[in-house]
């Protein structure tokens, strides 16, 4: 049975970013691991506990599935420095936390989409 409030309930629970695209899965680095694919959008939402949260929507390379993931400040800054835009290829590697650290570790790679040569 279709729940027309499914997306809004997920946002309210902090489990999904708002998106106009249908069938966008919320990505959890801790559960799902790395992301590799094509950037399809950037969004933000006001979380009642954490304030403004920035997200990215990616079409996964392996499955063509659309996923949305929260961006840490470190990932946001890396994307700004690498001038990430819609259409660019992206790899976010998740390494987790080392003992005694407060933040997760990531590696971010952006590859500018190159038009195919004839």
N, C-alpha and C. Protein backbone atom coordinates (compact mmCIF):
# COMPACT_ATOMS: atom_id res chain seq x y z
N UNK A 1 0.83 -1.17 0.00
CA UNK A 1 0.00 0.00 0.00
C UNK A 1 0.89 1.25 0.00
N UNK A 2 0.54 2.22 -0.82
CA UNK A 2 1.32 3.44 -0.98
C UNK A 2 1.02 4.41 0.16
N UNK A 3 2.05 4.90 0.84
CA UNK A 3 1.91 5.90 1.89
C UNK A 3 2.36 7.24 1.33
N UNK A 4 1.41 8.13 1.05
CA UNK A 4 1.76 9.40 0.43
C UNK A 4 2.59 10.30 1.34
N UNK A 5 2.66 9.97 2.63
CA UNK A 5 3.46 10.74 3.57
C UNK A 5 4.80 10.10 3.88
N UNK A 6 5.17 9.04 3.17
CA UNK A 6 6.40 8.30 3.46
C UNK A 6 7.63 9.20 3.46
N UNK A 7 7.79 10.02 2.42
CA UNK A 7 8.95 10.90 2.32
C UNK A 7 8.96 11.93 3.46
N UNK A 8 7.81 12.51 3.75
CA UNK A 8 7.74 13.51 4.82
C UNK A 8 8.00 12.90 6.18
N UNK A 9 7.52 11.68 6.39
CA UNK A 9 7.79 10.99 7.66
C UNK A 9 9.29 10.72 7.83
N UNK A 10 9.94 10.33 6.73
CA UNK A 10 11.38 10.06 6.77
C UNK A 10 12.16 11.34 7.09
N UNK A 11 11.75 12.45 6.49
CA UNK A 11 12.43 13.73 6.75
C UNK A 11 12.24 14.11 8.22
N UNK A 12 11.02 13.97 8.71
CA UNK A 12 10.72 14.31 10.10
C UNK A 12 11.58 13.48 11.06
N UNK A 13 11.81 12.22 10.71
CA UNK A 13 12.60 11.34 11.56
C UNK A 13 14.10 11.52 11.35
N UNK A 14 14.48 12.42 10.42
CA UNK A 14 15.90 12.65 10.15
C UNK A 14 16.53 11.55 9.34
N UNK A 15 15.72 10.82 8.59
CA UNK A 15 16.21 9.68 7.85
C UNK A 15 16.32 9.92 6.36
N UNK A 16 15.91 11.08 5.87
CA UNK A 16 15.99 11.33 4.44
C UNK A 16 16.06 12.82 4.19
N UNK A 17 16.68 13.16 3.08
CA UNK A 17 16.73 14.56 2.66
C UNK A 17 15.57 14.83 1.73
N UNK A 18 15.07 16.06 1.74
CA UNK A 18 13.99 16.35 0.80
C UNK A 18 14.51 16.26 -0.62
N UNK A 19 13.70 15.77 -1.49
CA UNK A 19 14.09 15.63 -2.88
C UNK A 19 12.84 15.59 -3.73
N UNK A 20 12.90 16.22 -4.89
CA UNK A 20 11.76 16.17 -5.78
C UNK A 20 11.74 14.85 -6.56
N UNK A 21 12.85 14.15 -6.58
CA UNK A 21 12.91 12.88 -7.29
C UNK A 21 12.25 11.78 -6.46
N UNK A 22 11.56 10.90 -7.13
CA UNK A 22 10.95 9.77 -6.46
C UNK A 22 11.97 8.65 -6.31
N UNK A 23 11.73 7.79 -5.34
CA UNK A 23 12.56 6.61 -5.13
C UNK A 23 14.02 6.93 -4.85
N UNK A 24 14.26 7.96 -4.06
CA UNK A 24 15.61 8.29 -3.63
C UNK A 24 15.81 7.65 -2.27
N UNK A 25 16.81 6.78 -2.19
CA UNK A 25 17.10 6.06 -0.96
C UNK A 25 18.04 6.89 -0.08
N UNK A 26 17.75 6.95 1.22
CA UNK A 26 18.67 7.60 2.15
C UNK A 26 19.89 6.72 2.33
N UNK A 27 21.07 7.31 2.19
CA UNK A 27 22.33 6.59 2.28
C UNK A 27 22.95 6.82 3.65
N UNK A 28 23.34 5.76 4.31
CA UNK A 28 24.06 5.85 5.57
C UNK A 28 25.45 5.27 5.35
N UNK A 29 26.47 6.10 5.49
CA UNK A 29 27.84 5.62 5.28
C UNK A 29 28.17 4.47 6.23
N UNK A 30 27.70 4.57 7.47
CA UNK A 30 27.99 3.53 8.46
C UNK A 30 27.39 2.19 8.04
N UNK A 31 26.22 2.22 7.45
CA UNK A 31 25.54 0.99 7.04
C UNK A 31 25.89 0.59 5.61
N UNK A 32 25.95 1.58 4.70
CA UNK A 32 26.05 1.29 3.27
C UNK A 32 27.43 1.43 2.68
N UNK A 33 28.37 2.09 3.38
CA UNK A 33 29.74 2.20 2.89
C UNK A 33 29.98 3.35 1.94
N UNK A 34 30.80 3.12 0.94
CA UNK A 34 31.23 4.15 0.00
C UNK A 34 30.14 4.49 -1.01
N UNK A 35 30.27 5.68 -1.59
CA UNK A 35 29.39 6.12 -2.69
C UNK A 35 30.26 6.38 -3.90
N UNK A 36 29.87 5.82 -5.06
CA UNK A 36 30.52 6.15 -6.33
C UNK A 36 29.43 6.29 -7.38
N UNK A 37 29.43 7.42 -8.06
CA UNK A 37 28.42 7.64 -9.08
C UNK A 37 28.49 9.04 -9.64
N UNK A 38 27.34 9.52 -10.12
CA UNK A 38 27.22 10.83 -10.75
C UNK A 38 26.37 11.74 -9.88
N UNK A 39 26.86 12.94 -9.61
CA UNK A 39 26.11 13.90 -8.81
C UNK A 39 24.89 14.35 -9.60
N UNK A 40 23.71 14.23 -8.97
CA UNK A 40 22.48 14.69 -9.63
C UNK A 40 21.87 15.90 -8.93
N UNK A 41 22.35 16.23 -7.73
CA UNK A 41 21.81 17.40 -7.06
C UNK A 41 22.38 17.62 -5.68
N UNK A 42 22.16 18.84 -5.19
CA UNK A 42 22.53 19.24 -3.84
C UNK A 42 21.28 19.81 -3.19
N UNK A 43 21.08 19.52 -1.92
CA UNK A 43 19.92 20.02 -1.19
C UNK A 43 20.33 20.38 0.22
N UNK A 44 19.41 20.99 0.94
CA UNK A 44 19.59 21.20 2.37
C UNK A 44 18.23 21.13 3.03
N UNK A 45 18.24 20.87 4.33
CA UNK A 45 17.00 20.81 5.09
C UNK A 45 17.29 21.31 6.49
N UNK A 46 16.25 21.77 7.15
CA UNK A 46 16.38 22.19 8.55
C UNK A 46 16.00 21.02 9.43
N UNK A 47 16.98 20.49 10.13
CA UNK A 47 16.75 19.40 11.06
C UNK A 47 16.42 20.02 12.41
N UNK A 48 15.36 19.53 13.09
CA UNK A 48 14.97 20.16 14.35
C UNK A 48 16.04 20.11 15.44
N UNK A 49 16.92 19.14 15.40
CA UNK A 49 17.94 19.00 16.42
C UNK A 49 19.29 19.57 15.98
N UNK A 50 19.67 19.33 14.71
CA UNK A 50 21.01 19.68 14.24
C UNK A 50 21.07 20.93 13.37
N UNK A 51 19.95 21.58 13.11
CA UNK A 51 19.94 22.78 12.28
C UNK A 51 20.04 22.42 10.81
N UNK A 52 20.58 23.36 10.02
CA UNK A 52 20.65 23.14 8.57
C UNK A 52 21.60 21.99 8.25
N UNK A 53 21.11 21.04 7.48
CA UNK A 53 21.90 19.89 7.05
C UNK A 53 21.97 19.88 5.53
N UNK A 54 23.17 19.71 5.00
CA UNK A 54 23.37 19.67 3.55
C UNK A 54 23.44 18.23 3.08
N UNK A 55 22.88 18.00 1.91
CA UNK A 55 22.85 16.65 1.34
C UNK A 55 23.29 16.68 -0.12
N UNK A 56 23.62 15.51 -0.60
CA UNK A 56 23.95 15.32 -2.00
C UNK A 56 23.12 14.15 -2.51
N UNK A 57 22.67 14.25 -3.75
CA UNK A 57 21.97 13.15 -4.40
C UNK A 57 22.88 12.62 -5.50
N UNK A 58 23.06 11.30 -5.51
CA UNK A 58 23.99 10.65 -6.45
C UNK A 58 23.28 9.48 -7.12
N UNK A 59 23.50 9.34 -8.43
CA UNK A 59 23.06 8.14 -9.15
C UNK A 59 24.23 7.18 -9.11
N UNK A 60 24.05 6.06 -8.40
CA UNK A 60 25.14 5.10 -8.19
C UNK A 60 25.61 4.48 -9.50
N UNK A 61 26.93 4.32 -9.61
CA UNK A 61 27.54 3.76 -10.82
C UNK A 61 27.14 2.31 -11.04
N UNK A 62 27.08 1.54 -9.98
CA UNK A 62 26.85 0.10 -10.11
C UNK A 62 25.39 -0.27 -10.36
N UNK A 63 24.46 0.46 -9.73
CA UNK A 63 23.06 0.04 -9.78
C UNK A 63 22.13 1.05 -10.43
N UNK A 64 22.60 2.25 -10.74
CA UNK A 64 21.78 3.32 -11.32
C UNK A 64 20.72 3.81 -10.35
N UNK A 65 20.83 3.41 -9.08
CA UNK A 65 19.89 3.81 -8.04
C UNK A 65 20.21 5.23 -7.58
N UNK A 66 19.17 6.03 -7.26
CA UNK A 66 19.37 7.36 -6.71
C UNK A 66 19.44 7.28 -5.19
N UNK A 67 20.50 7.89 -4.61
CA UNK A 67 20.65 7.91 -3.17
C UNK A 67 20.94 9.33 -2.71
N UNK A 68 20.56 9.63 -1.48
CA UNK A 68 20.81 10.93 -0.88
C UNK A 68 21.57 10.71 0.42
N UNK A 69 22.63 11.50 0.62
CA UNK A 69 23.47 11.34 1.82
C UNK A 69 23.72 12.70 2.46
N UNK A 70 23.78 12.72 3.79
CA UNK A 70 24.16 13.91 4.51
C UNK A 70 25.64 14.18 4.28
N UNK A 71 26.00 15.47 4.19
CA UNK A 71 27.39 15.86 3.99
C UNK A 71 27.95 16.46 5.28
N UNK A 72 29.08 15.95 5.71
CA UNK A 72 29.77 16.55 6.85
C UNK A 72 30.37 17.89 6.40
N UNK A 73 30.79 18.69 7.34
CA UNK A 73 31.47 19.94 7.00
C UNK A 73 32.71 19.70 6.18
N UNK A 74 33.44 18.63 6.49
CA UNK A 74 34.66 18.30 5.76
C UNK A 74 34.34 17.97 4.30
N UNK A 75 33.27 17.18 4.07
CA UNK A 75 32.87 16.85 2.71
C UNK A 75 32.37 18.08 1.96
N UNK A 76 31.62 18.93 2.63
CA UNK A 76 31.15 20.17 1.99
C UNK A 76 32.31 21.03 1.54
N UNK A 77 33.30 21.20 2.42
CA UNK A 77 34.47 22.01 2.08
C UNK A 77 35.26 21.39 0.93
N UNK A 78 35.41 20.07 0.95
CA UNK A 78 36.11 19.39 -0.14
C UNK A 78 35.39 19.57 -1.48
N UNK A 79 34.09 19.52 -1.46
CA UNK A 79 33.33 19.72 -2.70
C UNK A 79 33.45 21.16 -3.19
N UNK A 80 33.46 22.11 -2.25
CA UNK A 80 33.63 23.51 -2.63
C UNK A 80 35.00 23.71 -3.28
N UNK A 81 36.03 23.16 -2.66
CA UNK A 81 37.39 23.31 -3.18
C UNK A 81 37.56 22.66 -4.55
N UNK A 82 36.91 21.53 -4.74
CA UNK A 82 37.02 20.82 -6.02
C UNK A 82 35.95 21.26 -7.02
N UNK A 83 35.15 22.25 -6.63
CA UNK A 83 34.11 22.82 -7.47
C UNK A 83 33.16 21.76 -8.03
N UNK A 84 32.68 20.90 -7.12
CA UNK A 84 31.76 19.84 -7.51
C UNK A 84 30.45 20.43 -8.01
N UNK A 85 29.98 19.92 -9.13
CA UNK A 85 28.71 20.37 -9.71
C UNK A 85 27.92 19.17 -10.18
N UNK A 86 26.65 19.41 -10.48
CA UNK A 86 25.79 18.36 -11.02
C UNK A 86 26.41 17.84 -12.31
N UNK A 87 26.45 16.54 -12.44
CA UNK A 87 27.05 15.89 -13.62
C UNK A 87 28.45 15.37 -13.38
N UNK A 88 29.12 15.87 -12.34
CA UNK A 88 30.47 15.38 -12.02
C UNK A 88 30.39 13.97 -11.46
N UNK A 89 31.47 13.23 -11.64
CA UNK A 89 31.59 11.90 -11.06
C UNK A 89 32.17 12.05 -9.65
N UNK A 90 31.72 11.22 -8.72
CA UNK A 90 32.12 11.36 -7.33
C UNK A 90 32.43 10.01 -6.71
N UNK A 91 33.43 10.01 -5.83
CA UNK A 91 33.72 8.87 -4.99
C UNK A 91 33.88 9.40 -3.57
N UNK A 92 33.07 8.91 -2.65
CA UNK A 92 33.22 9.21 -1.23
C UNK A 92 33.55 7.89 -0.55
N UNK A 93 34.78 7.79 -0.05
CA UNK A 93 35.19 6.60 0.69
C UNK A 93 35.00 6.86 2.17
N UNK A 94 34.40 5.92 2.85
CA UNK A 94 34.11 6.04 4.28
C UNK A 94 35.06 5.15 5.06
N UNK A 95 35.78 5.74 6.02
CA UNK A 95 36.73 4.98 6.84
C UNK A 95 36.31 4.87 8.30
N UNK A 96 35.26 5.58 8.71
CA UNK A 96 34.81 5.52 10.10
C UNK A 96 35.71 6.33 11.02
N UNK A 97 35.61 6.04 12.30
CA UNK A 97 36.38 6.76 13.33
C UNK A 97 37.47 5.88 13.89
N UNK A 98 38.57 6.52 14.19
CA UNK A 98 39.61 5.84 14.95
C UNK A 98 39.29 6.03 16.43
N UNK A 99 39.78 5.16 17.26
CA UNK A 99 39.55 5.25 18.71
C UNK A 99 39.95 6.63 19.21
N UNK A 100 39.08 7.24 19.99
CA UNK A 100 39.37 8.54 20.58
C UNK A 100 39.02 9.73 19.70
N UNK A 101 38.63 9.49 18.45
CA UNK A 101 38.26 10.60 17.57
C UNK A 101 36.77 10.88 17.66
N UNK A 102 36.39 12.12 17.36
CA UNK A 102 34.99 12.52 17.43
C UNK A 102 34.30 12.46 16.08
N UNK A 103 35.06 12.44 14.99
CA UNK A 103 34.48 12.53 13.66
C UNK A 103 34.89 11.36 12.78
N UNK A 104 34.00 11.01 11.85
CA UNK A 104 34.33 9.98 10.87
C UNK A 104 35.34 10.52 9.87
N UNK A 105 36.12 9.61 9.30
CA UNK A 105 37.10 9.96 8.27
C UNK A 105 36.55 9.57 6.90
N UNK A 106 36.83 10.43 5.91
CA UNK A 106 36.39 10.21 4.54
C UNK A 106 37.51 10.55 3.59
N UNK A 107 37.41 10.04 2.37
CA UNK A 107 38.21 10.50 1.25
C UNK A 107 37.23 10.92 0.17
N UNK A 108 37.47 12.08 -0.43
CA UNK A 108 36.58 12.61 -1.46
C UNK A 108 37.34 12.81 -2.75
N UNK A 109 36.81 12.26 -3.83
CA UNK A 109 37.39 12.46 -5.16
C UNK A 109 36.28 12.92 -6.09
N UNK A 110 36.54 14.02 -6.80
CA UNK A 110 35.60 14.55 -7.79
C UNK A 110 36.29 14.48 -9.14
N UNK A 111 35.60 13.95 -10.12
CA UNK A 111 36.12 13.90 -11.49
C UNK A 111 35.13 14.65 -12.36
N UNK A 112 35.62 15.69 -13.00
CA UNK A 112 34.76 16.48 -13.87
C UNK A 112 34.32 15.62 -15.04
N UNK A 113 33.02 15.70 -15.34
CA UNK A 113 32.46 14.92 -16.45
C UNK A 113 33.06 15.42 -17.75
N UNK A 114 33.64 14.53 -18.50
CA UNK A 114 34.26 14.87 -19.79
C UNK A 114 33.35 14.42 -20.92
N UNK A 115 33.08 15.28 -21.89
CA UNK A 115 32.27 14.84 -23.02
C UNK A 115 32.99 13.75 -23.79
N UNK A 116 32.21 12.79 -24.28
CA UNK A 116 32.82 11.68 -25.03
C UNK A 116 33.39 12.18 -26.35
N UNK A 117 34.56 11.66 -26.69
CA UNK A 117 35.21 12.04 -27.95
C UNK A 117 34.76 11.08 -29.04
N UNK A 118 34.63 11.59 -30.23
CA UNK A 118 34.19 10.75 -31.36
C UNK A 118 35.33 10.00 -31.95
